[in-house]
């Protein structure tokens, strides 16, 4: 994805959101479910924007939320494309 950035990402969260979401998607189902079960599902549905503070203070929580958020997107390709163009409304700007 890094090679396809249209604009340089302004936050670490913008780089890590797709990385975490796709890494968790690639896990075997039982491993993924075991990881996700360690988080309260209600907090994974939070409307809080993804930001560097959450990423740095709780990277596992950030990863779980990124995966949950990505999976709930109606158009996953457009969702990732918005990160590449730095227009993702779900990532807090610096």
N, C-alpha and C. Protein backbone atom coordinates (compact mmCIF):
# COMPACT_ATOMS: atom_id res chain seq x y z
N UNK A 1 0.82 -1.19 0.00
CA UNK A 1 0.00 0.00 0.00
C UNK A 1 0.86 1.25 0.00
N UNK A 2 2.02 1.17 0.67
CA UNK A 2 2.88 2.34 0.77
C UNK A 2 3.23 2.89 -0.61
N UNK A 3 3.42 2.01 -1.58
CA UNK A 3 3.79 2.46 -2.92
C UNK A 3 2.64 3.16 -3.63
N UNK A 4 1.42 3.00 -3.14
CA UNK A 4 0.25 3.59 -3.79
C UNK A 4 -0.29 4.84 -3.09
N UNK A 5 0.44 5.34 -2.10
CA UNK A 5 -0.02 6.55 -1.43
C UNK A 5 -0.09 7.70 -2.42
N UNK A 6 -1.21 8.38 -2.45
CA UNK A 6 -1.37 9.55 -3.33
C UNK A 6 -0.82 10.80 -2.64
N UNK A 7 -0.94 10.80 -1.31
CA UNK A 7 -0.39 11.89 -0.48
C UNK A 7 0.28 11.24 0.71
N UNK A 8 1.35 11.82 1.16
CA UNK A 8 2.05 11.28 2.32
C UNK A 8 1.11 11.32 3.52
N UNK A 9 1.02 10.21 4.24
CA UNK A 9 0.17 10.15 5.42
C UNK A 9 0.69 11.11 6.48
N UNK A 10 -0.23 11.76 7.17
CA UNK A 10 0.17 12.76 8.16
C UNK A 10 0.21 12.21 9.58
N UNK A 11 -0.21 10.96 9.77
CA UNK A 11 -0.19 10.35 11.10
C UNK A 11 0.28 8.90 11.00
N UNK A 12 0.78 8.40 12.11
CA UNK A 12 1.14 6.98 12.17
C UNK A 12 -0.11 6.12 12.08
N UNK A 13 -1.21 6.62 12.63
CA UNK A 13 -2.47 5.88 12.60
C UNK A 13 -2.91 5.60 11.16
N UNK A 14 -2.66 6.53 10.26
CA UNK A 14 -3.03 6.34 8.85
C UNK A 14 -2.21 5.21 8.22
N UNK A 15 -0.96 5.06 8.63
CA UNK A 15 -0.15 3.96 8.13
C UNK A 15 -0.57 2.63 8.77
N UNK A 16 -0.82 2.67 10.06
CA UNK A 16 -1.04 1.43 10.80
C UNK A 16 -2.46 0.87 10.69
N UNK A 17 -3.45 1.72 10.44
CA UNK A 17 -4.83 1.24 10.32
C UNK A 17 -4.94 0.11 9.29
N UNK A 18 -4.53 0.33 8.03
CA UNK A 18 -4.67 -0.78 7.06
C UNK A 18 -3.74 -1.95 7.38
N UNK A 19 -2.57 -1.66 7.92
CA UNK A 19 -1.63 -2.74 8.24
C UNK A 19 -2.23 -3.68 9.28
N UNK A 20 -2.75 -3.12 10.35
CA UNK A 20 -3.34 -3.95 11.40
C UNK A 20 -4.59 -4.66 10.90
N UNK A 21 -5.46 -3.94 10.22
CA UNK A 21 -6.72 -4.55 9.75
C UNK A 21 -6.45 -5.73 8.84
N UNK A 22 -5.51 -5.58 7.92
CA UNK A 22 -5.24 -6.65 6.97
C UNK A 22 -4.44 -7.80 7.60
N UNK A 23 -3.58 -7.49 8.56
CA UNK A 23 -2.85 -8.55 9.25
C UNK A 23 -3.80 -9.43 10.06
N UNK A 24 -4.74 -8.81 10.74
CA UNK A 24 -5.70 -9.58 11.53
C UNK A 24 -6.62 -10.38 10.60
N UNK A 25 -6.98 -9.80 9.47
CA UNK A 25 -7.79 -10.52 8.48
C UNK A 25 -7.06 -11.77 8.00
N UNK A 26 -5.74 -11.70 7.92
CA UNK A 26 -4.94 -12.82 7.40
C UNK A 26 -4.70 -13.93 8.43
N UNK A 27 -5.02 -13.70 9.68
CA UNK A 27 -4.82 -14.72 10.71
C UNK A 27 -5.79 -15.89 10.49
N UNK A 28 -5.40 -17.08 10.93
CA UNK A 28 -6.37 -18.19 10.92
C UNK A 28 -7.57 -17.79 11.78
N UNK A 29 -8.74 -18.24 11.39
CA UNK A 29 -9.99 -17.81 12.04
C UNK A 29 -9.97 -18.03 13.55
N UNK A 30 -9.48 -19.17 14.01
CA UNK A 30 -9.49 -19.43 15.45
C UNK A 30 -8.54 -18.50 16.21
N UNK A 31 -7.43 -18.15 15.61
CA UNK A 31 -6.49 -17.23 16.24
C UNK A 31 -7.10 -15.82 16.29
N UNK A 32 -7.70 -15.41 15.17
CA UNK A 32 -8.34 -14.10 15.09
C UNK A 32 -9.45 -13.99 16.14
N UNK A 33 -10.30 -15.00 16.24
CA UNK A 33 -11.40 -14.97 17.21
C UNK A 33 -10.88 -14.94 18.64
N UNK A 34 -9.82 -15.68 18.91
CA UNK A 34 -9.23 -15.68 20.24
C UNK A 34 -8.70 -14.28 20.58
N UNK A 35 -8.03 -13.65 19.63
CA UNK A 35 -7.52 -12.29 19.85
C UNK A 35 -8.67 -11.30 20.08
N UNK A 36 -9.65 -11.32 19.22
CA UNK A 36 -10.77 -10.37 19.32
C UNK A 36 -11.61 -10.60 20.57
N UNK A 37 -11.68 -11.82 21.05
CA UNK A 37 -12.49 -12.09 22.24
C UNK A 37 -11.92 -11.48 23.50
N UNK A 38 -10.68 -11.01 23.45
CA UNK A 38 -10.08 -10.37 24.62
C UNK A 38 -10.50 -8.91 24.76
N UNK A 39 -11.34 -8.43 23.84
CA UNK A 39 -11.83 -7.04 23.88
C UNK A 39 -13.35 -7.03 23.99
N UNK A 40 -13.85 -6.05 24.69
CA UNK A 40 -15.29 -5.86 24.79
C UNK A 40 -15.81 -5.40 23.43
N UNK A 41 -16.78 -6.11 22.89
CA UNK A 41 -17.28 -5.78 21.55
C UNK A 41 -17.85 -4.37 21.47
N UNK A 42 -18.46 -3.90 22.54
CA UNK A 42 -19.03 -2.54 22.54
C UNK A 42 -17.93 -1.49 22.35
N UNK A 43 -16.76 -1.71 22.95
CA UNK A 43 -15.68 -0.73 22.79
C UNK A 43 -15.07 -0.80 21.39
N UNK A 44 -15.15 -1.97 20.76
CA UNK A 44 -14.64 -2.07 19.39
C UNK A 44 -15.50 -1.30 18.41
N UNK A 45 -16.76 -1.06 18.77
CA UNK A 45 -17.69 -0.31 17.91
C UNK A 45 -17.64 1.18 18.19
N UNK A 46 -16.68 1.64 18.96
CA UNK A 46 -16.57 3.04 19.34
C UNK A 46 -16.51 3.95 18.11
N UNK A 47 -17.08 5.14 18.25
CA UNK A 47 -17.04 6.14 17.17
C UNK A 47 -15.81 7.03 17.26
N UNK A 48 -14.96 6.78 18.25
CA UNK A 48 -13.75 7.59 18.41
C UNK A 48 -12.87 7.45 17.17
N UNK A 49 -12.36 8.57 16.70
CA UNK A 49 -11.48 8.54 15.53
C UNK A 49 -10.19 7.79 15.86
N UNK A 50 -9.64 7.14 14.88
CA UNK A 50 -8.34 6.49 15.05
C UNK A 50 -7.29 7.59 15.11
N UNK A 51 -6.40 7.49 16.09
CA UNK A 51 -5.38 8.51 16.24
C UNK A 51 -4.09 7.91 16.79
N UNK A 52 -3.04 8.71 16.76
CA UNK A 52 -1.73 8.23 17.20
C UNK A 52 -1.70 7.92 18.70
N UNK A 53 -2.45 8.64 19.49
CA UNK A 53 -2.45 8.39 20.94
C UNK A 53 -2.95 6.99 21.24
N UNK A 54 -4.07 6.61 20.65
CA UNK A 54 -4.60 5.25 20.87
C UNK A 54 -3.60 4.22 20.36
N UNK A 55 -3.04 4.47 19.20
CA UNK A 55 -2.06 3.55 18.62
C UNK A 55 -0.87 3.36 19.55
N UNK A 56 -0.31 4.44 20.07
CA UNK A 56 0.90 4.35 20.88
C UNK A 56 0.63 3.79 22.28
N UNK A 57 -0.51 4.14 22.88
CA UNK A 57 -0.80 3.69 24.24
C UNK A 57 -1.41 2.30 24.30
N UNK A 58 -2.10 1.88 23.25
CA UNK A 58 -2.75 0.57 23.26
C UNK A 58 -2.79 -0.01 21.85
N UNK A 59 -1.65 -0.48 21.36
CA UNK A 59 -1.60 -0.95 19.97
C UNK A 59 -2.49 -2.17 19.71
N UNK A 60 -2.68 -3.04 20.68
CA UNK A 60 -3.55 -4.20 20.46
C UNK A 60 -5.02 -3.76 20.34
N UNK A 61 -5.41 -2.82 21.17
CA UNK A 61 -6.77 -2.27 21.09
C UNK A 61 -6.95 -1.57 19.74
N UNK A 62 -5.98 -0.77 19.33
CA UNK A 62 -6.02 -0.09 18.03
C UNK A 62 -6.19 -1.13 16.92
N UNK A 63 -5.42 -2.21 16.99
CA UNK A 63 -5.49 -3.26 15.98
C UNK A 63 -6.86 -3.91 15.93
N UNK A 64 -7.40 -4.24 17.08
CA UNK A 64 -8.72 -4.88 17.13
C UNK A 64 -9.80 -3.94 16.59
N UNK A 65 -9.73 -2.67 16.98
CA UNK A 65 -10.70 -1.70 16.47
C UNK A 65 -10.56 -1.51 14.97
N UNK A 66 -9.32 -1.45 14.48
CA UNK A 66 -9.09 -1.27 13.05
C UNK A 66 -9.71 -2.42 12.26
N UNK A 67 -9.49 -3.65 12.73
CA UNK A 67 -10.06 -4.81 12.06
C UNK A 67 -11.59 -4.75 12.08
N UNK A 68 -12.15 -4.49 13.24
CA UNK A 68 -13.62 -4.43 13.37
C UNK A 68 -14.19 -3.33 12.47
N UNK A 69 -13.56 -2.18 12.47
CA UNK A 69 -14.00 -1.04 11.66
C UNK A 69 -13.90 -1.37 10.17
N UNK A 70 -12.79 -1.96 9.77
CA UNK A 70 -12.59 -2.34 8.37
C UNK A 70 -13.64 -3.35 7.92
N UNK A 71 -13.89 -4.37 8.73
CA UNK A 71 -14.85 -5.41 8.37
C UNK A 71 -16.28 -4.87 8.28
N UNK A 72 -16.57 -3.81 9.01
CA UNK A 72 -17.93 -3.26 8.97
C UNK A 72 -18.14 -2.30 7.81
N UNK A 73 -17.09 -1.97 7.07
CA UNK A 73 -17.21 -1.04 5.94
C UNK A 73 -17.96 -1.71 4.79
N UNK A 74 -18.95 -1.01 4.22
CA UNK A 74 -19.70 -1.60 3.10
C UNK A 74 -18.82 -1.80 1.85
N UNK A 75 -17.88 -0.91 1.61
CA UNK A 75 -16.97 -1.02 0.46
C UNK A 75 -15.54 -0.95 0.98
N UNK A 76 -14.97 -2.10 1.24
CA UNK A 76 -13.64 -2.17 1.85
C UNK A 76 -12.55 -1.56 0.96
N UNK A 77 -12.67 -1.71 -0.34
CA UNK A 77 -11.68 -1.13 -1.25
C UNK A 77 -11.71 0.40 -1.18
N UNK A 78 -12.90 0.98 -1.20
CA UNK A 78 -13.02 2.43 -1.10
C UNK A 78 -12.52 2.92 0.25
N UNK A 79 -12.76 2.11 1.26
CA UNK A 79 -12.32 2.42 2.61
C UNK A 79 -10.79 2.55 2.65
N UNK A 80 -10.10 1.57 2.07
CA UNK A 80 -8.64 1.61 2.03
C UNK A 80 -8.14 2.70 1.10
N UNK A 81 -8.85 2.94 0.01
CA UNK A 81 -8.45 4.01 -0.92
C UNK A 81 -8.49 5.37 -0.24
N UNK A 82 -9.44 5.57 0.68
CA UNK A 82 -9.51 6.85 1.39
C UNK A 82 -8.28 7.06 2.27
N UNK A 83 -7.70 5.98 2.77
CA UNK A 83 -6.46 6.09 3.54
C UNK A 83 -5.32 6.48 2.61
N UNK A 84 -5.28 5.89 1.43
CA UNK A 84 -4.22 6.19 0.46
C UNK A 84 -4.25 7.64 -0.02
N UNK A 85 -5.41 8.23 -0.08
CA UNK A 85 -5.53 9.61 -0.55
C UNK A 85 -5.59 10.61 0.60
N UNK A 86 -5.44 10.12 1.83
CA UNK A 86 -5.47 10.96 3.03
C UNK A 86 -6.81 11.69 3.18
N UNK A 87 -7.89 11.01 2.80
CA UNK A 87 -9.23 11.58 2.94
C UNK A 87 -10.11 10.75 3.87
N UNK A 88 -9.50 9.84 4.61
CA UNK A 88 -10.26 8.96 5.50
C UNK A 88 -10.85 9.79 6.64
N UNK A 89 -12.16 9.80 6.73
CA UNK A 89 -12.84 10.59 7.78
C UNK A 89 -12.76 9.92 9.14
N UNK A 90 -12.27 8.69 9.22
CA UNK A 90 -12.21 7.97 10.48
C UNK A 90 -10.85 8.05 11.15
N UNK A 91 -9.90 8.76 10.53
CA UNK A 91 -8.58 8.96 11.13
C UNK A 91 -8.41 10.44 11.46
N UNK A 92 -8.08 10.68 12.72
CA UNK A 92 -7.93 12.07 13.19
C UNK A 92 -6.70 12.71 12.54
N UNK A 93 -6.87 13.92 12.00
CA UNK A 93 -5.71 14.61 11.41
C UNK A 93 -4.76 15.10 12.50
N UNK A 94 -3.53 15.30 12.14
CA UNK A 94 -2.55 15.83 13.08
C UNK A 94 -2.81 17.28 13.33
